[in-house]
């Protein structure tokens, strides 16, 4: 019973991390084309990503050569977290 609960919990965490990585990728790609800021999808993506970008920018300088690397840093951090969670829960079960 507990094993199934741990597997479900780990799967949920990994899925949320994976989805958030895609949100960051889509937001970064959209920033290249300057979409309409009043578009509800663009507003939602900004609300989901800007707090994470601000957290990264608070501790790490992210602008190199005129490009903001905050999305890339976040993707690497989330990838690390995803692998860590998967390996942590695979060893517990």
N, C-alpha and C. Protein backbone atom coordinates (compact mmCIF):
# COMPACT_ATOMS: atom_id res chain seq x y z
N UNK A 1 0.83 -1.20 0.00
CA UNK A 1 0.00 0.00 0.00
C UNK A 1 0.87 1.26 0.00
N UNK A 2 1.86 1.29 0.88
CA UNK A 2 2.73 2.46 0.96
C UNK A 2 3.58 2.57 -0.30
N UNK A 3 3.99 1.43 -0.84
CA UNK A 3 4.77 1.46 -2.07
C UNK A 3 3.99 2.11 -3.21
N UNK A 4 2.73 1.76 -3.31
CA UNK A 4 1.88 2.34 -4.37
C UNK A 4 1.70 3.84 -4.16
N UNK A 5 1.55 4.24 -2.91
CA UNK A 5 1.40 5.66 -2.59
C UNK A 5 2.67 6.42 -2.96
N UNK A 6 3.84 5.86 -2.66
CA UNK A 6 5.11 6.49 -3.00
C UNK A 6 5.30 6.59 -4.51
N UNK A 7 4.93 5.55 -5.21
CA UNK A 7 5.04 5.58 -6.68
C UNK A 7 4.12 6.64 -7.26
N UNK A 8 2.90 6.72 -6.76
CA UNK A 8 1.96 7.73 -7.23
C UNK A 8 2.46 9.13 -6.93
N UNK A 9 2.99 9.34 -5.74
CA UNK A 9 3.51 10.64 -5.34
C UNK A 9 4.70 11.03 -6.21
N UNK A 10 5.62 10.10 -6.43
CA UNK A 10 6.79 10.38 -7.26
C UNK A 10 6.38 10.68 -8.70
N UNK A 11 5.44 9.91 -9.23
CA UNK A 11 4.96 10.14 -10.59
C UNK A 11 4.31 11.51 -10.72
N UNK A 12 3.54 11.91 -9.73
CA UNK A 12 2.90 13.23 -9.74
C UNK A 12 3.95 14.34 -9.72
N UNK A 13 4.95 14.23 -8.87
CA UNK A 13 6.00 15.24 -8.78
C UNK A 13 6.76 15.34 -10.10
N UNK A 14 7.15 14.21 -10.66
CA UNK A 14 7.90 14.20 -11.91
C UNK A 14 7.06 14.77 -13.05
N UNK A 15 5.78 14.48 -13.07
CA UNK A 15 4.89 15.00 -14.10
C UNK A 15 4.76 16.52 -14.00
N UNK A 16 4.60 17.04 -12.79
CA UNK A 16 4.49 18.49 -12.60
C UNK A 16 5.79 19.18 -13.01
N UNK A 17 6.91 18.60 -12.65
CA UNK A 17 8.21 19.18 -13.05
C UNK A 17 8.33 19.19 -14.56
N UNK A 18 7.97 18.10 -15.20
CA UNK A 18 8.05 18.01 -16.66
C UNK A 18 7.13 19.03 -17.33
N UNK A 19 5.92 19.17 -16.84
CA UNK A 19 4.98 20.15 -17.40
C UNK A 19 5.51 21.58 -17.23
N UNK A 20 6.10 21.87 -16.08
CA UNK A 20 6.62 23.21 -15.84
C UNK A 20 7.82 23.50 -16.75
N UNK A 21 8.61 22.48 -17.05
CA UNK A 21 9.70 22.67 -18.01
C UNK A 21 9.14 23.09 -19.36
N UNK A 22 8.05 22.47 -19.79
CA UNK A 22 7.45 22.82 -21.07
C UNK A 22 6.86 24.23 -21.04
N UNK A 23 6.30 24.62 -19.91
CA UNK A 23 5.78 25.99 -19.78
C UNK A 23 6.93 26.99 -19.94
N UNK A 24 8.07 26.71 -19.34
CA UNK A 24 9.23 27.59 -19.46
C UNK A 24 9.73 27.63 -20.90
N UNK A 25 9.80 26.48 -21.55
CA UNK A 25 10.25 26.44 -22.95
C UNK A 25 9.32 27.25 -23.85
N UNK A 26 8.02 27.06 -23.69
CA UNK A 26 7.06 27.79 -24.51
C UNK A 26 7.14 29.29 -24.24
N UNK A 27 7.27 29.66 -22.98
CA UNK A 27 7.39 31.08 -22.62
C UNK A 27 8.65 31.70 -23.21
N UNK A 28 9.75 30.97 -23.17
CA UNK A 28 11.01 31.48 -23.73
C UNK A 28 10.90 31.64 -25.25
N UNK A 29 10.29 30.67 -25.90
CA UNK A 29 10.12 30.76 -27.36
C UNK A 29 9.21 31.93 -27.73
N UNK A 30 8.16 32.14 -26.97
CA UNK A 30 7.25 33.25 -27.25
C UNK A 30 7.92 34.60 -27.02
N UNK A 31 8.86 34.66 -26.11
CA UNK A 31 9.53 35.94 -25.85
C UNK A 31 10.35 36.40 -27.05
N UNK A 32 10.70 35.50 -27.93
CA UNK A 32 11.47 35.87 -29.13
C UNK A 32 10.61 36.58 -30.16
N UNK A 33 9.31 36.34 -30.16
CA UNK A 33 8.44 36.91 -31.19
C UNK A 33 7.59 38.08 -30.69
N UNK A 34 7.74 38.47 -29.44
CA UNK A 34 7.00 39.59 -28.86
C UNK A 34 5.49 39.47 -29.10
N UNK A 35 4.84 38.50 -28.46
CA UNK A 35 3.40 38.32 -28.65
C UNK A 35 2.61 39.44 -27.97
N UNK A 36 1.34 39.49 -28.28
CA UNK A 36 0.45 40.49 -27.69
C UNK A 36 0.39 40.28 -26.17
N UNK A 37 0.80 41.27 -25.37
CA UNK A 37 0.82 41.08 -23.91
C UNK A 37 -0.58 40.96 -23.29
N UNK A 38 -1.62 41.30 -24.05
CA UNK A 38 -2.98 41.20 -23.53
C UNK A 38 -3.63 39.85 -23.85
N UNK A 39 -2.93 39.01 -24.58
CA UNK A 39 -3.42 37.67 -24.88
C UNK A 39 -3.48 36.87 -23.57
N UNK A 40 -4.59 36.22 -23.27
CA UNK A 40 -4.72 35.50 -22.00
C UNK A 40 -3.70 34.37 -21.83
N UNK A 41 -3.33 33.72 -22.91
CA UNK A 41 -2.34 32.63 -22.81
C UNK A 41 -0.98 33.21 -22.45
N UNK A 42 -0.62 34.32 -23.08
CA UNK A 42 0.65 34.97 -22.79
C UNK A 42 0.67 35.45 -21.35
N UNK A 43 -0.43 36.02 -20.88
CA UNK A 43 -0.52 36.48 -19.50
C UNK A 43 -0.38 35.31 -18.52
N UNK A 44 -1.02 34.19 -18.83
CA UNK A 44 -0.92 33.02 -17.96
C UNK A 44 0.53 32.51 -17.91
N UNK A 45 1.17 32.42 -19.08
CA UNK A 45 2.56 31.96 -19.11
C UNK A 45 3.46 32.90 -18.33
N UNK A 46 3.23 34.20 -18.44
CA UNK A 46 4.04 35.16 -17.68
C UNK A 46 3.81 35.01 -16.18
N UNK A 47 2.56 34.81 -15.78
CA UNK A 47 2.28 34.63 -14.34
C UNK A 47 2.90 33.35 -13.80
N UNK A 48 3.01 32.34 -14.64
CA UNK A 48 3.60 31.07 -14.19
C UNK A 48 5.13 31.11 -14.16
N UNK A 49 5.74 31.89 -15.06
CA UNK A 49 7.20 31.84 -15.16
C UNK A 49 7.93 33.01 -14.51
N UNK A 50 7.34 34.18 -14.47
CA UNK A 50 8.06 35.35 -13.97
C UNK A 50 8.52 35.21 -12.51
N UNK A 51 7.73 34.63 -11.60
CA UNK A 51 8.25 34.45 -10.23
C UNK A 51 9.48 33.56 -10.16
N UNK A 52 9.50 32.51 -10.97
CA UNK A 52 10.68 31.63 -10.99
C UNK A 52 11.88 32.34 -11.59
N UNK A 53 11.65 33.11 -12.67
CA UNK A 53 12.73 33.88 -13.26
C UNK A 53 13.29 34.88 -12.25
N UNK A 54 12.40 35.54 -11.52
CA UNK A 54 12.84 36.53 -10.53
C UNK A 54 13.68 35.87 -9.44
N UNK A 55 13.30 34.68 -9.03
CA UNK A 55 14.07 33.97 -8.01
C UNK A 55 15.47 33.64 -8.50
N UNK A 56 15.57 33.19 -9.74
CA UNK A 56 16.89 32.88 -10.31
C UNK A 56 17.71 34.15 -10.45
N UNK A 57 17.08 35.21 -10.96
CA UNK A 57 17.79 36.48 -11.17
C UNK A 57 18.26 37.10 -9.87
N UNK A 58 17.59 36.78 -8.79
CA UNK A 58 17.96 37.33 -7.48
C UNK A 58 19.34 36.82 -7.05
N UNK A 59 19.68 35.59 -7.40
CA UNK A 59 20.92 34.96 -6.94
C UNK A 59 21.99 34.82 -8.02
N UNK A 60 21.59 34.81 -9.27
CA UNK A 60 22.54 34.56 -10.36
C UNK A 60 22.36 35.63 -11.43
N UNK A 61 23.45 36.26 -11.88
CA UNK A 61 23.30 37.16 -13.04
C UNK A 61 22.96 36.33 -14.27
N UNK A 62 21.88 36.67 -14.94
CA UNK A 62 21.40 35.80 -16.01
C UNK A 62 21.51 36.40 -17.40
N UNK A 63 21.90 37.65 -17.52
CA UNK A 63 22.00 38.28 -18.84
C UNK A 63 23.44 38.19 -19.32
N UNK A 64 23.64 37.46 -20.41
CA UNK A 64 24.95 37.30 -21.02
C UNK A 64 24.83 37.62 -22.51
N UNK A 65 25.58 38.60 -22.96
CA UNK A 65 25.55 38.95 -24.37
C UNK A 65 24.19 39.42 -24.84
N UNK A 66 23.42 40.04 -23.96
CA UNK A 66 22.10 40.53 -24.32
C UNK A 66 21.00 39.49 -24.27
N UNK A 67 21.34 38.26 -23.93
CA UNK A 67 20.32 37.19 -23.83
C UNK A 67 20.12 36.82 -22.37
N UNK A 68 18.86 36.66 -21.99
CA UNK A 68 18.53 36.25 -20.63
C UNK A 68 18.59 34.73 -20.54
N UNK A 69 19.43 34.23 -19.67
CA UNK A 69 19.63 32.79 -19.52
C UNK A 69 18.80 32.19 -18.38
N UNK A 70 17.92 32.98 -17.77
CA UNK A 70 17.11 32.47 -16.67
C UNK A 70 16.29 31.24 -17.06
N UNK A 71 15.65 31.22 -18.24
CA UNK A 71 14.91 30.01 -18.61
C UNK A 71 15.80 28.78 -18.72
N UNK A 72 16.98 28.94 -19.29
CA UNK A 72 17.90 27.82 -19.44
C UNK A 72 18.37 27.32 -18.08
N UNK A 73 18.69 28.24 -17.18
CA UNK A 73 19.12 27.86 -15.83
C UNK A 73 18.00 27.12 -15.11
N UNK A 74 16.77 27.61 -15.26
CA UNK A 74 15.62 26.94 -14.64
C UNK A 74 15.39 25.54 -15.22
N UNK A 75 15.54 25.41 -16.52
CA UNK A 75 15.35 24.10 -17.14
C UNK A 75 16.39 23.11 -16.63
N UNK A 76 17.65 23.55 -16.53
CA UNK A 76 18.69 22.67 -15.99
C UNK A 76 18.39 22.29 -14.54
N UNK A 77 17.95 23.25 -13.73
CA UNK A 77 17.64 22.98 -12.33
C UNK A 77 16.46 22.01 -12.22
N UNK A 78 15.44 22.20 -13.04
CA UNK A 78 14.29 21.31 -13.01
C UNK A 78 14.65 19.91 -13.51
N UNK A 79 15.52 19.84 -14.50
CA UNK A 79 15.97 18.53 -15.00
C UNK A 79 16.72 17.79 -13.89
N UNK A 80 17.60 18.50 -13.19
CA UNK A 80 18.33 17.92 -12.07
C UNK A 80 17.35 17.42 -11.00
N UNK A 81 16.36 18.27 -10.66
CA UNK A 81 15.38 17.90 -9.65
C UNK A 81 14.56 16.69 -10.08
N UNK A 82 14.20 16.64 -11.35
CA UNK A 82 13.42 15.51 -11.87
C UNK A 82 14.22 14.20 -11.77
N UNK A 83 15.47 14.24 -12.16
CA UNK A 83 16.32 13.05 -12.06
C UNK A 83 16.53 12.65 -10.61
N UNK A 84 16.72 13.63 -9.75
CA UNK A 84 16.91 13.36 -8.32
C UNK A 84 15.68 12.69 -7.72
N UNK A 85 14.52 13.20 -8.01
CA UNK A 85 13.27 12.63 -7.47
C UNK A 85 13.06 11.21 -8.00
N UNK A 86 13.31 11.02 -9.29
CA UNK A 86 13.15 9.68 -9.85
C UNK A 86 14.09 8.68 -9.21
N UNK A 87 15.35 9.06 -9.04
CA UNK A 87 16.29 8.12 -8.44
C UNK A 87 16.04 7.92 -6.95
N UNK A 88 15.58 8.96 -6.27
CA UNK A 88 15.29 8.85 -4.84
C UNK A 88 14.15 7.86 -4.61
N UNK A 89 13.06 8.01 -5.37
CA UNK A 89 11.93 7.13 -5.17
C UNK A 89 12.15 5.74 -5.73
N UNK A 90 12.99 5.61 -6.73
CA UNK A 90 13.26 4.26 -7.26
C UNK A 90 14.07 3.44 -6.25
N UNK A 91 14.88 4.09 -5.44
CA UNK A 91 15.67 3.38 -4.43
C UNK A 91 14.86 3.05 -3.19
N UNK A 92 13.82 3.82 -2.93
CA UNK A 92 12.99 3.55 -1.76
C UNK A 92 12.07 2.36 -1.98
N UNK A 93 11.74 2.11 -3.22
CA UNK A 93 10.76 1.04 -3.51
C UNK A 93 11.47 -0.24 -3.87
